[in-house]
Protein backbone atom coordinates (compact mmCIF):
# COMPACT_ATOMS: atom_id res chain seq x y z
CA VAL A 1 -3.91 0.50 -11.83
CA ASP A 2 -2.83 -1.98 -9.10
CA CYS A 3 0.65 -0.85 -9.87
CA ALA A 4 -0.03 2.75 -9.55
CA ARG A 5 -2.03 2.31 -6.59
CA ARG A 6 0.63 0.44 -4.57
CA LEU A 7 3.26 3.01 -5.46
CA LEU A 8 1.10 6.19 -4.07
CA ALA A 9 1.55 5.51 -0.34
CA GLU A 10 5.62 5.46 -0.86
CA CYS A 11 5.15 8.62 -2.51
CA GLY A 12 2.97 10.38 -0.06
CA GLY A 13 0.06 10.50 -2.44
CA HIS A 14 -3.41 9.34 -2.18
CA GLU A 15 -6.25 8.21 -4.95
CA VAL A 16 -8.88 10.90 -5.35
CA GLU A 17 -11.11 9.11 -8.19
CA LEU A 18 -10.88 6.62 -11.10
CA GLN A 19 -12.76 7.88 -14.27
CA GLY A 20 -12.27 5.19 -17.04
CA ASP A 21 -8.74 4.84 -17.40
CA SER A 22 -7.61 7.81 -15.55
CA LEU A 23 -6.47 7.56 -12.22
CA TRP A 24 -6.38 10.93 -10.10
CA VAL A 25 -4.26 11.46 -7.59
CA VAL A 26 -2.81 14.29 -4.93
CA PHE A 27 0.28 14.88 -3.25
CA PRO A 28 1.51 17.36 -0.60
CA GLU A 29 4.43 18.70 -2.68
CA ILE A 30 5.16 18.98 -6.23
CA ALA A 31 8.39 16.85 -5.62
CA ASN A 32 6.18 13.99 -4.23
CA ALA A 33 4.18 13.94 -7.46
CA LEU A 34 7.58 14.00 -9.72
CA LYS A 35 9.06 11.23 -7.83
CA TYR A 36 5.82 9.18 -8.07
CA THR A 37 5.79 9.65 -12.04
CA MET A 38 9.42 8.66 -12.50
CA SER A 39 8.91 5.70 -10.24
CA LEU A 40 5.94 4.32 -11.97
CA GLN A 41 7.16 4.70 -15.33
CA ARG A 42 10.26 2.57 -14.11
CA ARG A 43 8.02 -0.17 -12.27
CA LEU A 44 6.15 -0.44 -15.59
CA LEU A 45 9.26 -1.60 -17.10
CA GLU A 46 10.01 -4.64 -14.36
CA LEU A 47 6.27 -5.76 -14.49
CA PRO A 48 5.78 -9.37 -15.61
CA TRP A 49 4.14 -8.55 -18.75
CA PRO A 50 2.83 -11.43 -20.86
CA LYS A 51 5.19 -12.83 -23.64
CA VAL A 52 2.48 -12.40 -26.53
CA LEU A 53 1.85 -8.82 -25.38
CA LEU A 54 5.55 -8.04 -25.53
CA ALA A 55 5.64 -9.45 -29.08
CA HIS A 56 2.99 -6.63 -30.46
CA PRO A 57 5.22 -4.03 -32.31
CA LYS A 58 3.74 -1.24 -30.11
CA ILE A 59 4.55 -2.73 -26.65
CA CYS A 60 7.67 -4.42 -27.29
CA PRO A 61 10.74 -3.50 -25.19
CA GLN A 62 12.38 -0.39 -26.94
CA ALA A 63 15.84 1.03 -25.97
CA ASP A 64 17.86 3.80 -26.97
CA LEU A 65 21.17 3.98 -28.98
CA ASP A 66 23.00 2.97 -25.81
CA GLY A 67 20.98 0.06 -25.08
CA VAL A 68 18.99 1.70 -22.10
CA LEU A 69 15.56 0.23 -21.82
CA LEU A 70 12.97 3.02 -22.43
CA HIS A 71 9.77 1.41 -23.01
CA ARG A 72 8.36 -2.58 -22.19
CA GLY A 73 4.66 -3.47 -21.90
CA LEU A 74 1.87 -1.19 -21.71
CA ARG A 75 2.68 2.77 -22.33
CA ILE A 76 0.93 5.11 -20.18
CA LYS A 77 0.64 8.88 -20.26
CA ILE A 78 1.38 10.77 -16.98
CA GLY A 79 0.30 14.39 -16.43
CA VAL A 80 1.25 16.70 -13.48
CA HIS A 81 -0.61 19.80 -12.43
CA SER A 82 0.77 22.07 -9.65
CA GLY A 83 -0.50 24.96 -7.81
CA ASP A 84 -2.72 25.80 -4.82
CA CYS A 85 -6.10 23.79 -4.60
CA ASN A 86 -9.26 23.60 -2.47
CA SER A 87 -10.98 20.27 -1.35
CA ILE A 88 -14.43 19.93 -0.07
CA GLN A 89 -16.17 16.82 1.33
CA VAL A 90 -18.73 15.21 -1.03
CA GLY A 91 -21.19 12.37 -1.03
CA ALA A 92 -22.29 10.20 1.93
CA ALA A 93 -18.60 8.91 1.90
CA GLN A 94 -17.37 12.39 2.61
CA ARG A 95 -14.58 11.73 0.03
CA ALA A 96 -12.50 14.76 -1.04
CA GLN A 97 -12.72 16.40 -4.27
CA TYR A 98 -10.14 19.11 -4.94
CA CYS A 99 -10.22 22.13 -7.49
CA GLY A 100 -8.02 25.14 -8.29
């Protein structure tokens, strides 16, 4: 989550909510969201994962037939939804909640 959060500002996004292991973020434009998803996947390849973790068959480095590194370390799923939305301020902290 730290890696994902650090990248948000660089891509013009901000965190809305953390639900379990799901980080909900918003961006002003779809291009920002797509830049974020691609950048996050690349950064995960570069993290200093523990060697014991990288030895696991489902987490070990994997490359394509040309030797290009595809996966290394924990795998994550990223979903992107686009369209118009509305935001309301909720709670004592007046945090934005998005719908639409």
